[in-house]
Amino acid sequence: MQNFFKLKENNTTVKTEVLAGITTFMTMAYILAVNPSILSATGMDKNALFTATALSAVVATLVMALVARLPFALAPGMGLNAFFAFTVVLGMGYTWQFALTAVFLEGLIFILLTAFNIRELIVNAIPLSMKHAVSAGIGLFIAFIGLQGAGVIINNDAVLVGLGDMGSPSVLVALGGVLLTGVLLALKVKGALLIGIFASTVAGIPFGVTQLPEGHLVSLPPSVEPIFFKFDFHQIFTIDMLIVLFTFLFVDMFDTVGTLVGVSSKADMLTEDGKVPRAKQALFADAVGTTFGSMIGTSTVTTYVESASGVAEGGRTGLTSLTVAGLFFIALFFAPLFIMIPAAATAPALILVGLFMLSPILKINMDDFTESIPAFLTIIMMPLTYSIAEGIVFGMLAFVLLKLFTGKHKEISPIMYVLAVLFVIKFII
């Protein structure tokens, strides 16, 4: 294990990696409850969706652990599942079988793009200042997700967002968790984020925030038969399929790229020339995960931004992601226990990881406005558009245009020009 994952070379230990994996899993375990809830709105079987969600996470994260050997975890992506359910099926009126077919085709295309190094070329084409900005933007984004999930930040029709009810049990549990975790971090207690999650979950019981499971705690996973291999190839050559497929491809491509780049930057894992190590293998993991996930009945599988929580705990190798994969497998048999963890309990970890992710800002040259303006747009647009991909779009378009109009066109790679054109087309579509 020491040699395979190169623990000494990465200045880490088995204990640190396992703890990091547990932390990452705990911050993303909500997907086991949320993904079935969203996708079942299309008429898909909710119990089968739970199993599909867990199994797709296991397979994709295992590939990340054993092939890419990076500390990133994968599962069906938030945002992509909402697009699947509420836009493609409920909005456009297509069947969930049609949407699954689009996801399957997306996975196959990603495998080809990865095999021919096209996705890796895109990752490496992103300027170093942008990579640091992506890390900071993701930080704000996941902190926002944490605050929103706990009810600290709520919807306000007049000004879009507003402050929630500071006296609500969920908010009190979350803010108490932030305080406890902050104290533990200041005292340099190992596993501070994980302790905060556990403590907040327990604290939520008397408040009714944490719902204790009813009935058996251990059971065999529900069958995926109702949603297994349910593809509809009759409309794959329609314009609507092209639009749906393009959207899935675009969002997953840049969500994954953004997460890989941002978390790698935070972990100081980028190479000297700013590249993500073993990027091809990492991208292969989400391509395989997406293809497999569609076959067993779930939406696009992507690399999770919550991986940052494990990295913040010291995770640096595939042993972290191997731990996550193992826990997702265990979760198949202990579903009630993992589903009981409320958003208020994971919020403290997400909020404070948002702080950790901001540090790469210090590496951006703020005096060069052709670097700092694109970086700023990347950072601010991620939380405001609720999308890592959109933040990258605004930042990279700004980078190309500012460099072009200030006579610094030599700093723009050919791939950046191609991406800029694709982004403009994306806006038009």
Protein backbone atom coordinates (compact mmCIF):
# COMPACT_ATOMS: atom_id res chain seq x y z
CA MET A 1 0.00 0.00 0.00
CA GLN A 2 2.84 2.38 0.88
CA ASN A 3 4.49 1.75 -2.50
CA PHE A 4 1.34 1.65 -4.64
CA PHE A 5 -0.03 4.97 -3.37
CA LYS A 6 3.44 6.49 -2.77
CA LEU A 7 2.46 7.71 0.69
CA LYS A 8 5.97 8.78 1.75
CA GLU A 9 6.52 10.71 -1.47
CA ASN A 10 3.31 12.61 -0.79
CA ASN A 11 4.17 13.24 2.88
CA THR A 12 1.12 11.41 4.17
CA THR A 13 0.21 8.30 6.17
CA VAL A 14 -2.42 5.56 6.06
CA LYS A 15 -4.20 7.12 9.06
CA THR A 16 -4.29 10.57 7.45
CA GLU A 17 -5.56 9.20 4.14
CA VAL A 18 -8.30 7.10 5.74
CA LEU A 19 -9.42 10.01 7.90
CA ALA A 20 -9.48 12.25 4.84
CA GLY A 21 -11.57 9.68 2.98
CA ILE A 22 -14.07 9.44 5.82
CA THR A 23 -14.34 13.24 5.89
CA THR A 24 -14.92 13.47 2.13
CA PHE A 25 -17.55 10.75 2.32
CA MET A 26 -19.36 12.40 5.20
CA THR A 27 -19.56 15.73 3.36
CA MET A 28 -20.98 14.13 0.21
CA ALA A 29 -23.10 11.33 1.74
CA TYR A 30 -26.12 13.62 1.29
CA ILE A 31 -26.18 12.60 -2.39
CA LEU A 32 -27.48 9.18 -1.31
CA ALA A 33 -30.69 10.90 -0.20
CA VAL A 34 -30.80 13.90 -2.54
CA ASN A 35 -30.18 12.19 -5.90
CA PRO A 36 -33.05 9.66 -5.55
CA SER A 37 -35.31 12.47 -4.35
CA ILE A 38 -34.61 14.61 -7.43
CA LEU A 39 -34.62 11.88 -10.08
CA SER A 40 -37.73 10.18 -8.70
CA ALA A 41 -39.68 13.29 -9.75
CA THR A 42 -39.44 11.85 -13.28
CA GLY A 43 -41.25 8.66 -12.27
CA MET A 44 -38.10 6.59 -11.69
CA ASP A 45 -38.15 4.13 -8.78
CA LYS A 46 -36.73 5.90 -5.70
CA ASN A 47 -35.38 2.79 -3.98
CA ALA A 48 -33.65 1.61 -7.14
CA LEU A 49 -32.16 5.10 -7.51
CA PHE A 50 -30.56 4.84 -4.08
CA THR A 51 -28.71 1.69 -5.12
CA ALA A 52 -27.74 3.16 -8.50
CA THR A 53 -26.41 6.30 -6.81
CA ALA A 54 -24.23 4.33 -4.39
CA LEU A 55 -22.98 1.79 -6.95
CA SER A 56 -22.03 4.42 -9.53
CA ALA A 57 -20.10 6.29 -6.83
CA VAL A 58 -18.29 3.09 -5.84
CA VAL A 59 -17.22 2.19 -9.39
CA ALA A 60 -16.15 5.69 -10.45
CA THR A 61 -14.29 6.42 -7.22
CA LEU A 62 -12.51 3.04 -7.41
CA VAL A 63 -11.22 3.97 -10.86
CA MET A 64 -10.04 7.29 -9.46
CA ALA A 65 -8.33 5.49 -6.55
CA LEU A 66 -6.65 2.66 -8.42
CA VAL A 67 -5.97 4.18 -11.85
CA ALA A 68 -5.51 7.93 -11.23
CA ARG A 69 -4.45 7.46 -7.58
CA LEU A 70 -5.76 10.91 -6.67
CA PRO A 71 -7.79 11.92 -3.56
CA PHE A 72 -10.97 12.80 -5.45
CA ALA A 73 -14.37 11.17 -5.05
CA LEU A 74 -17.14 10.85 -7.63
CA ALA A 75 -20.92 10.43 -7.57
CA PRO A 76 -23.96 11.57 -9.60
CA GLY A 77 -23.57 15.34 -9.86
CA MET A 78 -25.80 17.97 -8.31
CA GLY A 79 -27.11 20.38 -10.93
CA LEU A 80 -26.75 17.72 -13.61
CA ASN A 81 -29.41 15.61 -11.89
CA ALA A 82 -31.69 18.66 -11.69
CA PHE A 83 -31.17 19.34 -15.42
CA PHE A 84 -31.98 15.67 -16.10
CA ALA A 85 -35.21 15.73 -14.08
CA PHE A 86 -36.62 19.24 -14.29
CA THR A 87 -35.44 20.40 -17.72
CA VAL A 88 -35.16 17.34 -19.97
CA VAL A 89 -38.03 15.28 -18.52
CA LEU A 90 -40.47 17.62 -16.78
CA GLY A 91 -39.64 20.72 -18.86
CA MET A 92 -39.05 19.40 -22.39
CA GLY A 93 -41.47 16.53 -21.92
CA TYR A 94 -39.14 13.66 -22.74
CA THR A 95 -39.11 10.36 -20.91
CA TRP A 96 -36.49 9.55 -18.31
CA GLN A 97 -35.37 6.77 -20.64
CA PHE A 98 -34.53 9.46 -23.25
CA ALA A 99 -32.53 11.40 -20.66
CA LEU A 100 -30.64 8.26 -19.58
CA THR A 101 -29.76 7.62 -23.22
CA ALA A 102 -28.26 11.12 -23.47
CA VAL A 103 -26.17 10.44 -20.36
CA PHE A 104 -25.02 7.10 -21.81
CA LEU A 105 -23.94 8.77 -25.07
CA GLU A 106 -22.19 11.49 -23.08
CA GLY A 107 -20.18 8.86 -21.20
CA LEU A 108 -19.11 7.13 -24.42
CA ILE A 109 -18.05 10.44 -25.97
CA PHE A 110 -16.06 11.32 -22.85
CA ILE A 111 -14.25 7.98 -22.98
CA LEU A 112 -13.21 8.73 -26.58
CA LEU A 113 -12.20 12.33 -25.79
CA THR A 114 -10.16 11.09 -22.84
CA ALA A 115 -8.51 8.32 -24.86
CA PHE A 116 -7.36 10.86 -27.46
CA ASN A 117 -6.13 13.28 -24.75
CA ILE A 118 -8.56 16.03 -25.80
CA ARG A 119 -9.93 16.59 -22.28
CA GLU A 120 -6.42 16.57 -20.82
CA LEU A 121 -5.37 19.20 -23.38
CA ILE A 122 -8.24 21.39 -22.18
CA VAL A 123 -7.22 20.99 -18.52
CA ASN A 124 -3.61 21.87 -19.29
CA ALA A 125 -4.61 24.85 -21.49
CA ILE A 126 -6.15 26.73 -18.55
CA PRO A 127 -3.70 29.48 -17.45
CA LEU A 128 -2.11 29.10 -14.01
CA SER A 129 -3.78 32.25 -12.65
CA MET A 130 -7.15 30.85 -13.72
CA LYS A 131 -6.41 27.55 -11.98
CA HIS A 132 -5.79 29.41 -8.72
CA ALA A 133 -8.98 31.41 -9.27
CA VAL A 134 -10.98 28.24 -9.84
CA SER A 135 -9.87 26.99 -6.41
CA ALA A 136 -11.04 30.20 -4.74
CA GLY A 137 -14.31 30.24 -6.69
CA ILE A 138 -15.06 26.67 -5.69
CA GLY A 139 -14.37 27.69 -2.10
CA LEU A 140 -17.03 30.39 -2.18
CA PHE A 141 -19.38 28.07 -4.02
CA ILE A 142 -19.24 25.19 -1.55
CA ALA A 143 -19.41 27.57 1.41
CA PHE A 144 -22.57 28.99 -0.17
CA ILE A 145 -23.95 25.45 -0.60
CA GLY A 146 -23.27 24.80 3.09
CA LEU A 147 -24.91 28.03 4.25
CA GLN A 148 -27.91 27.46 2.03
CA GLY A 149 -28.35 23.81 3.02
CA ALA A 150 -28.43 24.76 6.70
CA GLY A 151 -30.90 27.59 6.15
CA VAL A 152 -28.46 30.35 7.11
CA ILE A 153 -28.92 31.78 3.61
CA ILE A 154 -32.39 31.59 2.07
CA ASN A 155 -34.24 32.70 -1.05
CA ASN A 156 -35.45 36.31 -1.10
CA ASP A 157 -37.48 37.36 -4.13
CA ALA A 158 -36.64 41.03 -3.66
CA VAL A 159 -32.84 40.68 -3.51
CA LEU A 160 -32.36 37.02 -4.59
CA VAL A 161 -30.82 35.88 -1.30
CA GLY A 162 -31.25 36.85 2.33
CA LEU A 163 -30.51 35.83 5.90
CA GLY A 164 -32.50 32.91 7.25
CA ASP A 165 -34.17 32.51 10.65
CA MET A 166 -31.29 32.72 13.11
CA GLY A 167 -33.40 31.05 15.77
CA SER A 168 -34.27 27.95 13.75
CA PRO A 169 -32.86 24.65 15.03
CA SER A 170 -31.10 23.90 11.73
CA VAL A 171 -29.27 27.24 11.75
CA LEU A 172 -28.32 26.89 15.42
CA VAL A 173 -26.91 23.39 14.85
CA ALA A 174 -24.94 24.56 11.80
CA LEU A 175 -23.51 27.68 13.45
CA GLY A 176 -22.69 25.70 16.60
CA GLY A 177 -20.87 23.23 14.37
CA VAL A 178 -18.91 26.03 12.71
CA LEU A 179 -17.86 27.35 16.14
CA LEU A 180 -16.85 23.91 17.43
CA THR A 181 -14.97 23.01 14.24
CA GLY A 182 -13.28 26.41 14.19
CA VAL A 183 -12.03 25.95 17.77
CA LEU A 184 -10.73 22.46 16.93
CA LEU A 185 -8.96 23.79 13.82
CA ALA A 186 -7.37 26.61 15.82
CA LEU A 187 -6.15 24.03 18.35
CA LYS A 188 -4.81 21.94 15.42
CA VAL A 189 -6.91 18.90 16.35
CA LYS A 190 -6.67 16.19 13.68
CA GLY A 191 -10.01 15.28 12.14
CA ALA A 192 -11.61 18.57 13.16
CA LEU A 193 -14.01 18.60 10.21
CA LEU A 194 -15.14 15.05 10.81
CA ILE A 195 -15.61 15.63 14.55
CA GLY A 196 -17.70 18.68 13.67
CA ILE A 197 -19.96 16.62 11.39
CA PHE A 198 -20.49 13.90 13.99
CA ALA A 199 -21.08 16.37 16.83
CA SER A 200 -23.55 18.40 14.77
CA THR A 201 -25.45 15.24 13.77
CA VAL A 202 -25.80 14.22 17.42
CA ALA A 203 -26.69 17.78 18.49
CA GLY A 204 -29.45 17.83 15.89
CA ILE A 205 -31.30 14.88 17.43
CA PRO A 206 -33.06 16.70 20.31
CA PHE A 207 -33.85 19.64 17.98
CA GLY A 208 -35.50 17.38 15.43
CA VAL A 209 -32.92 18.39 12.82
CA THR A 210 -31.46 14.87 12.72
CA GLN A 211 -34.15 12.29 12.02
CA LEU A 212 -33.36 8.92 13.60
CA PRO A 213 -33.94 5.99 11.24
CA GLU A 214 -36.99 3.79 11.73
CA GLY A 215 -37.00 0.01 11.49
CA HIS A 216 -33.96 -2.05 10.51
CA LEU A 217 -30.61 -0.30 10.25
CA VAL A 218 -29.09 -3.01 8.04
CA SER A 219 -30.67 -4.50 4.92
CA LEU A 220 -29.82 -5.69 1.42
CA PRO A 221 -29.71 -2.90 -1.19
CA PRO A 222 -32.90 -2.37 -3.23
CA SER A 223 -32.84 -3.85 -6.75
CA VAL A 224 -31.95 -1.58 -9.71
CA GLU A 225 -34.09 -3.69 -12.06
CA PRO A 226 -36.80 -0.99 -12.57
CA ILE A 227 -34.21 1.42 -14.04
CA PHE A 228 -31.48 -0.93 -15.28
CA PHE A 229 -30.43 -0.50 -18.94
CA LYS A 230 -33.62 1.41 -19.80
CA PHE A 231 -32.43 3.24 -22.92
CA ASP A 232 -34.49 4.80 -25.72
CA PHE A 233 -32.52 5.09 -28.95
CA HIS A 234 -35.45 6.14 -31.15
CA GLN A 235 -34.72 9.88 -30.94
CA ILE A 236 -30.93 10.04 -30.79
CA PHE A 237 -30.69 11.89 -34.12
CA THR A 238 -33.04 14.75 -33.19
CA ILE A 239 -32.08 18.39 -32.56
CA ASP A 240 -33.39 18.12 -29.00
CA MET A 241 -31.07 15.18 -28.30
CA LEU A 242 -28.18 17.22 -29.69
CA ILE A 243 -29.00 20.15 -27.37
CA VAL A 244 -29.49 17.90 -24.33
CA LEU A 245 -26.29 15.97 -25.07
CA PHE A 246 -24.30 19.18 -25.61
CA THR A 247 -25.51 20.58 -22.28
CA PHE A 248 -24.61 17.40 -20.39
CA LEU A 249 -21.20 17.34 -22.09
CA PHE A 250 -20.47 20.99 -21.44
CA VAL A 251 -21.51 21.16 -17.79
CA ASP A 252 -19.84 17.87 -16.84
CA MET A 253 -16.67 18.71 -18.76
CA PHE A 254 -16.04 21.99 -16.97
CA ASP A 255 -17.45 21.01 -13.58
CA THR A 256 -14.98 18.13 -13.53
CA VAL A 257 -12.12 20.19 -14.93
CA GLY A 258 -12.85 22.95 -12.43
CA THR A 259 -12.93 20.57 -9.49
CA LEU A 260 -9.73 18.77 -10.51
CA VAL A 261 -7.87 22.03 -11.06
CA GLY A 262 -9.24 23.85 -8.02
CA VAL A 263 -8.71 21.09 -5.48
CA SER A 264 -5.28 20.21 -6.94
CA SER A 265 -4.26 23.86 -6.63
CA LYS A 266 -5.35 23.99 -3.01
CA ALA A 267 -3.45 20.77 -2.22
CA ASP A 268 -0.28 22.05 -3.95
CA MET A 269 -0.52 19.02 -6.23
CA LEU A 270 -0.12 20.95 -9.48
CA THR A 271 3.17 20.34 -11.29
CA GLU A 272 5.69 23.16 -11.75
CA ASP A 273 4.09 24.11 -15.08
CA GLY A 274 0.62 24.16 -13.51
CA LYS A 275 -0.69 20.79 -14.70
CA VAL A 276 -2.90 18.37 -12.78
CA PRO A 277 -0.95 15.14 -12.22
CA ARG A 278 -2.43 12.10 -14.00
CA ALA A 279 -5.24 14.27 -15.35
CA LYS A 280 -6.03 11.78 -18.13
CA GLN A 281 -6.63 8.97 -15.68
CA ALA A 282 -8.74 11.25 -13.46
CA LEU A 283 -10.91 12.27 -16.40
CA PHE A 284 -11.20 8.62 -17.40
CA ALA A 285 -12.73 7.89 -13.99
CA ASP A 286 -15.68 10.22 -14.50
CA ALA A 287 -16.16 9.01 -18.09
CA VAL A 288 -16.38 5.40 -16.91
CA GLY A 289 -18.56 6.45 -13.96
CA THR A 290 -21.00 8.31 -16.21
CA THR A 291 -21.27 5.41 -18.67
CA PHE A 292 -21.73 2.82 -15.91
CA GLY A 293 -24.12 5.09 -13.99
CA SER A 294 -26.42 5.51 -16.99
CA MET A 295 -26.50 1.73 -17.49
CA ILE A 296 -27.73 1.12 -13.94
CA GLY A 297 -30.09 4.10 -14.04
CA THR A 298 -28.68 7.38 -12.75
CA SER A 299 -27.66 10.78 -14.11
CA THR A 300 -24.16 12.03 -14.95
CA VAL A 301 -21.37 11.04 -12.56
CA THR A 302 -18.79 13.72 -11.89
CA THR A 303 -15.86 14.56 -9.61
CA TYR A 304 -17.16 16.06 -6.38
CA VAL A 305 -16.13 19.47 -5.12
CA GLU A 306 -16.59 18.10 -1.60
CA SER A 307 -13.33 16.22 -2.19
CA ALA A 308 -11.81 19.47 -0.96
CA SER A 309 -12.86 18.56 2.58
CA GLY A 310 -10.73 15.42 2.50
CA VAL A 311 -7.82 17.30 0.96
CA ALA A 312 -8.14 19.83 3.77
CA GLU A 313 -7.72 16.92 6.21
CA GLY A 314 -4.46 15.94 4.50
CA GLY A 315 -5.62 13.51 1.80
CA ARG A 316 -3.10 13.41 -1.06
CA THR A 317 -3.35 9.98 -2.71
CA GLY A 318 -5.73 7.39 -4.08
CA LEU A 319 -5.98 5.82 -0.63
CA THR A 320 -8.31 8.69 0.29
CA SER A 321 -10.63 7.91 -2.64
CA LEU A 322 -10.33 4.16 -2.01
CA THR A 323 -11.67 4.82 1.49
CA VAL A 324 -14.57 6.82 0.04
CA ALA A 325 -15.41 4.00 -2.38
CA GLY A 326 -15.40 1.51 0.49
CA LEU A 327 -17.74 3.68 2.54
CA PHE A 328 -20.17 4.10 -0.36
CA PHE A 329 -20.23 0.29 -0.65
CA ILE A 330 -20.93 -0.06 3.07
CA ALA A 331 -23.63 2.59 2.74
CA LEU A 332 -25.55 0.23 0.45
CA PHE A 333 -26.28 -1.91 3.51
CA PHE A 334 -26.61 0.88 6.09
CA ALA A 335 -28.72 3.31 4.10
CA PRO A 336 -30.83 4.62 7.03
CA LEU A 337 -27.74 5.59 9.07
CA PHE A 338 -26.09 7.58 6.30
CA ILE A 339 -29.26 9.25 5.10
CA MET A 340 -29.93 10.59 8.62
CA ILE A 341 -26.95 13.02 8.44
CA PRO A 342 -28.67 16.41 7.90
CA ALA A 343 -27.43 19.29 5.77
CA ALA A 344 -26.98 21.31 8.96
CA ALA A 345 -24.33 18.80 10.10
CA THR A 346 -22.30 18.86 6.88
CA ALA A 347 -22.60 22.66 6.58
CA PRO A 348 -19.75 23.49 9.04
CA ALA A 349 -17.28 21.38 7.02
CA LEU A 350 -18.37 22.92 3.71
CA ILE A 351 -18.23 26.48 5.06
CA LEU A 352 -14.76 26.12 6.55
CA VAL A 353 -13.38 24.25 3.56
CA GLY A 354 -14.53 27.29 1.59
CA LEU A 355 -12.05 29.28 3.67
CA PHE A 356 -9.26 26.80 2.99
CA MET A 357 -9.90 26.96 -0.76
CA LEU A 358 -9.34 30.74 -0.84
CA SER A 359 -5.60 30.63 -0.15
CA PRO A 360 -4.46 30.23 -3.82
CA ILE A 361 -5.69 33.81 -4.40
CA LEU A 362 -2.35 34.89 -2.93
CA LYS A 363 -0.62 33.39 -5.99
CA ILE A 364 -2.53 35.58 -8.47
CA ASN A 365 -0.84 38.73 -9.78
CA MET A 366 -3.45 41.34 -8.89
CA ASP A 367 -1.46 44.15 -10.54
CA ASP A 368 -1.84 42.59 -14.01
CA PHE A 369 -5.47 43.26 -14.85
CA THR A 370 -5.41 40.83 -17.79
CA GLU A 371 -4.84 38.16 -15.13
CA SER A 372 -6.75 39.52 -12.13
CA ILE A 373 -10.01 40.49 -13.89
CA PRO A 374 -10.56 37.02 -15.42
CA ALA A 375 -9.62 35.51 -12.05
CA PHE A 376 -12.12 37.75 -10.24
CA LEU A 377 -14.93 36.91 -12.67
CA THR A 378 -14.19 33.20 -12.27
CA ILE A 379 -14.33 33.49 -8.49
CA ILE A 380 -17.47 35.61 -8.22
CA MET A 381 -19.54 33.92 -10.94
CA MET A 382 -19.32 30.42 -9.50
CA PRO A 383 -21.46 31.06 -6.42
CA LEU A 384 -23.66 33.66 -8.13
CA THR A 385 -24.59 31.34 -11.03
CA TYR A 386 -24.50 28.24 -8.81
CA SER A 387 -22.18 26.61 -11.33
CA ILE A 388 -18.47 25.88 -11.50
CA ALA A 389 -18.77 25.59 -15.28
CA GLU A 390 -20.29 29.08 -15.72
CA GLY A 391 -17.54 30.62 -13.60
CA ILE A 392 -14.93 29.05 -15.85
CA VAL A 393 -16.76 30.31 -18.95
CA PHE A 394 -16.80 33.94 -17.80
CA GLY A 395 -13.20 33.82 -16.62
CA MET A 396 -11.77 32.19 -19.72
CA LEU A 397 -13.69 34.44 -22.12
CA ALA A 398 -12.45 37.48 -20.19
CA PHE A 399 -8.89 36.12 -20.28
CA VAL A 400 -8.92 35.64 -24.06
CA LEU A 401 -10.54 39.01 -24.81
CA LEU A 402 -8.37 41.05 -22.43
CA LYS A 403 -5.14 39.45 -23.65
CA LEU A 404 -6.24 39.89 -27.26
CA PHE A 405 -7.17 43.58 -26.95
CA THR A 406 -4.07 44.51 -24.93
CA GLY A 407 -1.55 43.08 -27.38
CA LYS A 408 -0.74 40.00 -25.29
CA HIS A 409 -2.14 37.51 -27.77
CA LYS A 410 1.01 35.37 -27.52
CA GLU A 411 -0.09 34.37 -24.03
CA ILE A 412 -3.26 32.77 -25.45
CA SER A 413 -2.91 29.12 -26.43
CA PRO A 414 -4.71 27.84 -29.57
CA ILE A 415 -6.94 25.67 -27.39
CA MET A 416 -8.06 28.76 -25.45
CA TYR A 417 -9.24 30.33 -28.72
CA VAL A 418 -11.21 27.17 -29.55
CA LEU A 419 -12.75 27.08 -26.08
CA ALA A 420 -13.72 30.75 -26.30
CA VAL A 421 -15.60 30.11 -29.56
CA LEU A 422 -17.34 27.09 -28.01
CA PHE A 423 -18.35 29.16 -24.99
CA VAL A 424 -19.91 31.82 -27.21
CA ILE A 425 -21.83 29.10 -29.09
CA LYS A 426 -22.95 27.69 -25.74
CA PHE A 427 -24.39 31.09 -24.75
CA ILE A 428 -26.24 31.37 -28.06
CA ILE A 429 -27.74 27.86 -27.73
